[in-house]
Amino acid sequence: MKHSSIPLPTQLLRKIRRALLNWYQINRRQLPWRDTRSPYAIWVSEIMLQQTQVTTVIPFFQRFMQRFPTVFALAEASEQEVLKYWEGMGYYRRARHLHQAACIIVEKHDGIIPQNEEELSTLPGFGRYTVNAVLSQAFDKRLPIVDANVARVICRLFTWKKILQSKETQSWLWSTAEAILPQIHVGDFNQAWMELGQTICTTGRPSCLLCPLKFYCQGREFANQLPVRNEKPLISSEYQRALIVTKGKQLLLAQRPTHSSRWANMWEFPTQIMDSTDHSLSKVNKQCQKLTGYSVEKPMLFNTIQYSITRYRVTLNVVKALWKSGKSHQREYQQLKWILPEQLHEYPLSVPQRRIAKLVLGKE
């Protein structure tokens, strides 16, 4: 069901556009992806900025672009190397889609990122937001964007009180964002929306007195109540056990399945979700046999790590054990490898698994 935007007087639209663009020209942050009109650099930055804060992205972006300066360089690399350079940012499906799309662009488009919306949207990882963000910033195409920051600003600006996650609200947001767009400087305007939401019209305490749209904002008095959201999902507890299996000086490392919902194709110390009441080390050997095919002995609790992922609060018990016997199998993992501790840096690991690696190396 399509909903049109709120009817907006032409004069009001002009004032909003002028105020936002003027503010942005003076207050815009100097970010590395803003120094270029390269669709490739803009694409990489937009993928990185999904689910990740700007300050976190900057060093990752610079390092990534130094290693993969062109779409050709990205396509030629292995997925494992791309994941390694993405390590620490999380949501690794973004990196896999980025690599897959780069391969298609090189193979089917001679390394040139398509400027057509329909064509671009067929590539992995290119949803409506990403398509519009790349095309508006790189080519100034008149296409709106709606991310969490833009949604928050628009809902407050026009006092939209319906549930943010509803189809009606999402349709209204896109229609309204499109109606407000200027005819030129579209890329800057879209960046200005996001900049305003990130720095002024923030989730917690918006700085309304500093806002360039304060004279046009209908929701200033109750900005903290907007946008209206569904209740947050409850946080669930999850318990895991990771096994540091040693064989002489070597460590056992395992590659997660391609179809895994978490950290697909990345590496880890063999890890399994456990019952919260089962803290006994007597089942470590059985667990290791199930995961890897190997038998172990002399298990001992090495450390306990806690971390959060999506709606889970995870307690990860790290157990050390000595390899005893057996032949490996790949029922749970793509492959198993015996490596030396100093080789751990060569493999892409999730943040909690990298913490284990640092513990093993005595760096944490």
Foldseek 3Di string as FASTA:
>chain_A
DFDAADDDDPVVLVLVLVLLLVCCVVDPDDAPLLVDLDLLLQLVQVLLVVVADRVVCRVLSVVVCVQQVALVSLQPDDLFVQLLSVAPSFPCVSSVQSNQQSVCCCVPVVRDQDLDLVVNCVGRPDDLQSNQLSNCSNPVPLAFHDDPQLLLVVCQQVVPADACPDPHNVSNSRNNRSVSADPGPRNSSNVSSNVCSVPALDQADHPLVPDSCNVRGPRVVPSNCPPPHDDDDAAAEWEKEFEFEDEPQWTKKFAADQPDPGPHRFIFRDMDTDDPVDPDPPCVQVSCCVQWVWGWDDKDFDDWDWDDDRRYTYIYTYIYTYTDDGDTDDPGGPDMDIDGLVCVSVTRDHPVRVVVSCVVVVND
